[in-house]
Protein backbone atom coordinates (compact mmCIF):
# COMPACT_ATOMS: atom_id res chain seq x y z
CA UNK A 1 -16.20 -1.76 14.43
CA UNK A 2 -13.83 -2.12 11.48
CA UNK A 3 -11.84 -4.93 10.55
CA UNK A 4 -8.44 -4.02 11.90
CA UNK A 5 -10.09 -3.24 15.58
CA UNK A 6 -11.58 -6.36 15.65
CA UNK A 7 -8.08 -8.46 15.23
CA UNK A 8 -6.64 -6.14 17.06
CA UNK A 9 -9.08 -6.71 20.07
CA UNK A 10 -8.45 -10.51 19.25
CA UNK A 11 -5.04 -10.40 19.44
CA UNK A 12 -4.58 -7.89 22.07
CA UNK A 13 -2.37 -9.94 24.59
CA UNK A 14 -0.16 -11.62 21.46
CA UNK A 15 3.65 -11.31 21.69
CA UNK A 16 4.42 -8.54 18.70
CA UNK A 17 7.10 -10.85 17.16
CA UNK A 18 3.75 -13.14 16.13
CA UNK A 19 2.53 -13.38 12.68
CA UNK A 20 -1.21 -13.21 11.76
CA UNK A 21 -2.00 -14.65 8.28
CA UNK A 22 -4.57 -13.63 5.87
CA UNK A 23 -5.74 -15.83 3.17
CA UNK A 24 -7.62 -14.75 -0.14
CA UNK A 25 -9.32 -17.34 -2.12
CA UNK A 26 -9.26 -15.56 -5.21
CA UNK A 27 -5.42 -16.05 -5.83
CA UNK A 28 -4.74 -18.76 -3.01
CA UNK A 29 -2.16 -16.31 -1.78
CA UNK A 30 -1.39 -15.16 2.06
CA UNK A 31 -0.56 -11.87 3.61
CA UNK A 32 1.59 -11.90 6.53
CA UNK A 33 1.06 -9.38 8.99
CA UNK A 34 3.48 -9.12 12.23
CA UNK A 35 1.13 -8.42 15.44
CA UNK A 36 3.59 -5.14 16.13
CA UNK A 37 2.02 -3.76 12.84
CA UNK A 38 -1.17 -4.70 13.01
CA UNK A 39 -2.41 -0.88 12.74
CA UNK A 40 -0.82 -1.25 9.02
CA UNK A 41 -4.25 -2.97 8.26
CA UNK A 42 -6.02 0.31 9.02
CA UNK A 43 -6.10 1.26 4.93
CA UNK A 44 -6.69 -2.15 3.74
CA UNK A 45 -9.29 -2.73 1.23
CA UNK A 46 -10.63 -5.91 2.33
CA UNK A 47 -12.46 -8.37 -0.59
CA UNK A 48 -14.65 -10.98 -0.14
CA UNK A 49 -13.65 -14.44 0.49
CA UNK A 50 -10.77 -13.19 2.87
CA UNK A 51 -9.86 -15.35 6.05
CA UNK A 52 -7.77 -15.18 8.94
CA UNK A 53 -6.14 -17.30 10.69
CA UNK A 54 -7.04 -17.82 14.36
CA UNK A 55 -3.43 -19.30 15.39
CA UNK A 56 -0.50 -17.03 15.13
CA UNK A 57 2.76 -17.94 13.68
CA UNK A 58 6.30 -17.91 15.50
CA UNK A 59 7.80 -17.42 11.90
CA UNK A 60 6.70 -15.30 8.48
CA UNK A 61 6.69 -18.03 5.65
CA UNK A 62 5.86 -17.71 1.75
CA UNK A 63 2.95 -15.70 0.49
CA UNK A 64 2.08 -18.89 -1.27
CA UNK A 65 1.73 -20.92 1.95
CA UNK A 66 -0.97 -20.66 4.78
CA UNK A 67 0.91 -21.74 7.49
CA UNK A 68 0.73 -25.09 9.48
CA UNK A 69 -0.30 -26.07 12.94
CA UNK A 70 3.46 -27.12 13.75
CA UNK A 71 4.35 -23.44 13.43
CA UNK A 72 1.62 -21.79 15.51
CA UNK A 73 2.64 -20.48 18.63
CA UNK A 74 0.00 -18.71 20.03
CA UNK A 75 -3.88 -18.96 20.19
CA UNK A 76 -5.80 -15.95 21.38
CA UNK A 77 -8.45 -18.19 23.33
CA UNK A 78 -10.46 -21.10 23.13
CA UNK A 79 -11.62 -21.91 19.72
CA UNK A 80 -14.24 -24.73 18.46
CA UNK A 81 -15.40 -25.42 14.96
CA UNK A 82 -18.24 -27.49 14.99
CA UNK A 83 -20.24 -29.45 12.28
CA UNK A 84 -22.76 -31.63 12.81
CA UNK A 85 -24.74 -33.83 9.65
CA UNK A 86 -28.23 -35.44 10.29
CA UNK A 87 -31.57 -34.28 11.80
CA UNK A 88 -30.44 -34.76 15.53
CA UNK A 89 -32.65 -37.43 16.70
């Protein structure tokens, strides 16, 4: 499965006006892609250390912003990121 297919599957029920963020570590920039245009990612040259936002945004922001929780309007499902420390005893 290619990256754009993966993203299209995760966000298949999202409204077309929602914005997906792809953040790049190298230059700390954000690419904003509207869900209606997700197929535009087909020819994208993906690089190491690029991350997509799980929450879709209501409005596009600048390429220097990653977006905030306040602007998130849609989530594709339940998402958990858990970190544990210690030995578990």
